[in-house]
C-alpha atoms as a PDB file:
ATOM      1  CA  MET A   1     -13.351 -78.157 -25.640  1.00  0.00           C
ATOM      2  CA  SER A   2     -11.598 -80.027 -22.960  1.00  0.00           C
ATOM      3  CA  ASP A   3      -7.735 -79.134 -21.800  1.00  0.00           C
ATOM      4  CA  GLN A   4      -6.695 -82.480 -23.373  1.00  0.00           C
ATOM      5  CA  ASN A   5      -7.993 -81.585 -26.848  1.00  0.00           C
ATOM      6  CA  ARG A   6      -6.547 -77.845 -26.755  1.00  0.00           C
ATOM      7  CA  PHE A   7      -3.221 -79.413 -25.777  1.00  0.00           C
ATOM      8  CA  ALA A   8      -3.154 -81.952 -28.584  1.00  0.00           C
ATOM      9  CA  ASN A   9      -4.315 -79.180 -31.025  1.00  0.00           C
ATOM     10  CA  LEU A  10      -1.368 -76.835 -29.774  1.00  0.00           C
ATOM     11  CA  LEU A  11       1.005 -79.841 -29.703  1.00  0.00           C
ATOM     12  CA  LYS A  12      -0.123 -80.688 -33.504  1.00  0.00           C
ATOM     13  CA  ALA A  13       0.096 -77.005 -34.549  1.00  0.00           C
ATOM     14  CA  ALA A  14       3.699 -77.035 -33.097  1.00  0.00           C
ATOM     15  CA  GLN A  15       4.635 -80.069 -34.708  1.00  0.00           C
ATOM     16  CA  GLN A  16       3.486 -78.375 -38.180  1.00  0.00           C
ATOM     17  CA  GLN A  17       5.571 -75.073 -37.918  1.00  0.00           C
ATOM     18  CA  PRO A  18       8.596 -75.157 -40.034  1.00  0.00           C
ATOM     19  CA  GLU A  19      12.054 -74.929 -38.018  1.00  0.00           C
ATOM     20  CA  ILE A  20      13.859 -71.897 -37.917  1.00  0.00           C
ATOM     21  CA  GLU A  21      17.457 -72.127 -39.071  1.00  0.00           C
ATOM     22  CA  THR A  22      20.232 -70.886 -36.839  1.00  0.00           C
ATOM     23  CA  PRO A  23      21.847 -67.959 -38.591  1.00  0.00           C
ATOM     24  CA  VAL A  24      25.574 -68.762 -39.538  1.00  0.00           C
ATOM     25  CA  PRO A  25      27.866 -66.167 -37.711  1.00  0.00           C
ATOM     26  CA  PHE A  26      29.515 -63.485 -40.112  1.00  0.00           C
ATOM     27  CA  GLU A  27      33.166 -64.237 -40.677  1.00  0.00           C
ATOM     28  CA  PRO A  28      35.119 -61.381 -42.556  1.00  0.00           C
ATOM     29  CA  LEU A  29      37.006 -62.480 -45.817  1.00  0.00           C
ATOM     30  CA  SER A  30      40.508 -62.531 -45.690  1.00  0.00           C
ATOM     31  CA  ASP A  31      41.342 -62.714 -49.360  1.00  0.00           C
ATOM     32  CA  VAL A  32      39.211 -59.618 -50.618  1.00  0.00           C
ATOM     33  CA  GLN A  33      40.988 -57.282 -52.783  1.00  0.00           C
ATOM     34  CA  THR A  34      40.664 -53.438 -52.324  1.00  0.00           C
ATOM     35  CA  SER A  35      41.128 -50.657 -54.999  1.00  0.00           C
ATOM     36  CA  GLU A  36      43.767 -48.216 -54.430  1.00  0.00           C
ATOM     37  CA  HIS A  37      41.793 -45.304 -55.722  1.00  0.00           C
ATOM     38  CA  PRO A  38      40.736 -43.201 -52.697  1.00  0.00           C
ATOM     39  CA  ASP A  39      37.042 -43.040 -53.378  1.00  0.00           C
ATOM     40  CA  THR A  40      36.727 -46.662 -53.227  1.00  0.00           C
ATOM     41  CA  GLN A  41      38.555 -47.294 -50.296  1.00  0.00           C
ATOM     42  CA  ALA A  42      37.074 -48.474 -47.230  1.00  0.00           C
ATOM     43  CA  PRO A  43      36.601 -45.810 -44.351  1.00  0.00           C
ATOM     44  CA  LYS A  44      39.244 -46.301 -41.610  1.00  0.00           C
ATOM     45  CA  GLN A  45      38.002 -47.901 -38.581  1.00  0.00           C
ATOM     46  CA  PRO A  46      38.429 -45.656 -35.344  1.00  0.00           C
ATOM     47  CA  ASP A  47      41.061 -47.412 -32.744  1.00  0.00           C
ATOM     48  CA  ILE A  48      38.901 -48.637 -29.922  1.00  0.00           C
ATOM     49  CA  SER A  49      41.838 -49.718 -28.110  1.00  0.00           C
ATOM     50  CA  THR A  50      41.208 -46.811 -25.791  1.00  0.00           C
ATOM     51  CA  SER A  51      37.748 -47.334 -25.409  1.00  0.00           C
ATOM     52  CA  LYS A  52      38.029 -49.790 -22.477  1.00  0.00           C
ATOM     53  CA  ALA A  53      41.012 -47.952 -21.103  1.00  0.00           C
ATOM     54  CA  LYS A  54      38.903 -44.482 -20.933  1.00  0.00           C
ATOM     55  CA  SER A  55      35.913 -46.336 -18.970  1.00  0.00           C
ATOM     56  CA  SER A  56      38.167 -47.657 -16.476  1.00  0.00           C
ATOM     57  CA  SER A  57      40.630 -44.898 -15.996  1.00  0.00           C
ATOM     58  CA  SER A  58      40.298 -42.198 -13.467  1.00  0.00           C
ATOM     59  CA  ASP A  59      41.672 -39.443 -15.778  1.00  0.00           C
ATOM     60  CA  TYR A  60      38.405 -39.633 -17.860  1.00  0.00           C
ATOM     61  CA  LYS A  61      34.738 -38.862 -16.797  1.00  0.00           C
ATOM     62  CA  ARG A  62      31.723 -39.775 -18.902  1.00  0.00           C
ATOM     63  CA  THR A  63      29.092 -37.326 -19.777  1.00  0.00           C
ATOM     64  CA  THR A  64      25.986 -37.008 -21.877  1.00  0.00           C
ATOM     65  CA  VAL A  65      25.577 -34.229 -24.424  1.00  0.00           C
ATOM     66  CA  TYR A  66      22.702 -33.927 -26.643  1.00  0.00           C
ATOM     67  CA  LEU A  67      23.346 -33.278 -30.488  1.00  0.00           C
ATOM     68  CA  THR A  68      20.966 -32.927 -33.302  1.00  0.00           C
ATOM     69  CA  GLN A  69      20.586 -36.050 -35.429  1.00  0.00           C
ATOM     70  CA  GLU A  70      22.096 -34.219 -38.382  1.00  0.00           C
ATOM     71  CA  LEU A  71      25.189 -33.445 -36.382  1.00  0.00           C
ATOM     72  CA  HIS A  72      25.544 -36.787 -34.904  1.00  0.00           C
ATOM     73  CA  ARG A  73      25.314 -37.893 -38.237  1.00  0.00           C
ATOM     74  CA  ARG A  74      28.111 -35.873 -39.549  1.00  0.00           C
ATOM     75  CA  LEU A  75      30.354 -36.664 -36.346  1.00  0.00           C
ATOM     76  CA  LYS A  76      29.920 -40.216 -36.777  1.00  0.00           C
ATOM     77  CA  ARG A  77      30.846 -40.178 -40.334  1.00  0.00           C
ATOM     78  CA  ALA A  78      33.838 -37.892 -39.490  1.00  0.00           C
ATOM     79  CA  SER A  79      34.878 -40.520 -36.612  1.00  0.00           C
ATOM     80  CA  LEU A  80      34.945 -43.433 -39.303  1.00  0.00           C
ATOM     81  CA  ASP A  81      36.889 -40.967 -42.255  1.00  0.00           C
ATOM     82  CA  GLU A  82      39.372 -39.951 -39.651  1.00  0.00           C
ATOM     83  CA  GLY A  83      39.759 -43.232 -37.995  1.00  0.00           C
ATOM     84  CA  MET A  84      39.312 -41.625 -34.525  1.00  0.00           C
ATOM     85  CA  GLU A  85      36.619 -41.998 -31.727  1.00  0.00           C
ATOM     86  CA  MET A  86      33.830 -39.643 -31.511  1.00  0.00           C
ATOM     87  CA  SER A  87      34.696 -38.881 -28.065  1.00  0.00           C
ATOM     88  CA  ASP A  88      38.284 -37.648 -29.254  1.00  0.00           C
ATOM     89  CA  ILE A  89      36.816 -35.479 -31.816  1.00  0.00           C
ATOM     90  CA  ALA A  90      34.466 -34.027 -29.363  1.00  0.00           C
ATOM     91  CA  GLU A  91      37.229 -33.693 -26.714  1.00  0.00           C
ATOM     92  CA  SER A  92      39.532 -31.888 -29.231  1.00  0.00           C
ATOM     93  CA  ALA A  93      36.403 -29.521 -30.179  1.00  0.00           C
ATOM     94  CA  ILE A  94      35.567 -28.686 -26.718  1.00  0.00           C
ATOM     95  CA  ALA A  95      39.613 -28.109 -25.709  1.00  0.00           C
ATOM     96  CA  ALA A  96      39.763 -25.741 -28.938  1.00  0.00           C
ATOM     97  CA  TRP A  97      36.624 -23.772 -27.772  1.00  0.00           C
ATOM     98  CA  LEU A  98      37.894 -23.622 -24.344  1.00  0.00           C
ATOM     99  CA  GLU A  99      41.206 -22.229 -25.155  1.00  0.00           C
ATOM    100  CA  GLU A 100      39.615 -19.791 -27.565  1.00  0.00           C
ATOM    101  CA  HIS A 101      37.425 -18.735 -24.594  1.00  0.00           C
ATOM    102  CA  SER A 102      40.040 -18.675 -21.820  1.00  0.00           C
ATOM    103  CA  ASP A 103      38.994 -15.593 -20.291  1.00  0.00           C
ATOM    104  CA  VAL A 104      35.783 -17.817 -19.109  1.00  0.00           C
END
């Protein structure tokens, strides 16, 4: 098969392919009614206004910790439920542990 025929076949196949639609960007609904029942309320969203400030602040040091998948899932859920960042919960827990073990 010549290169010209192969190109013609590829072009023909490409022209027969259905076009892929571009996804429509998600826009949150502003008129959604919420229930006042505590079991059906949406979880609070963590305050992320300090996230960027932490990454650029000399008062904070980024670190890595390894958690089991189950503990990470629980921390993430607590973060959403409490409306706190996971790093704030971890910092609070570490500070409490250090206070309890202050002789270390």
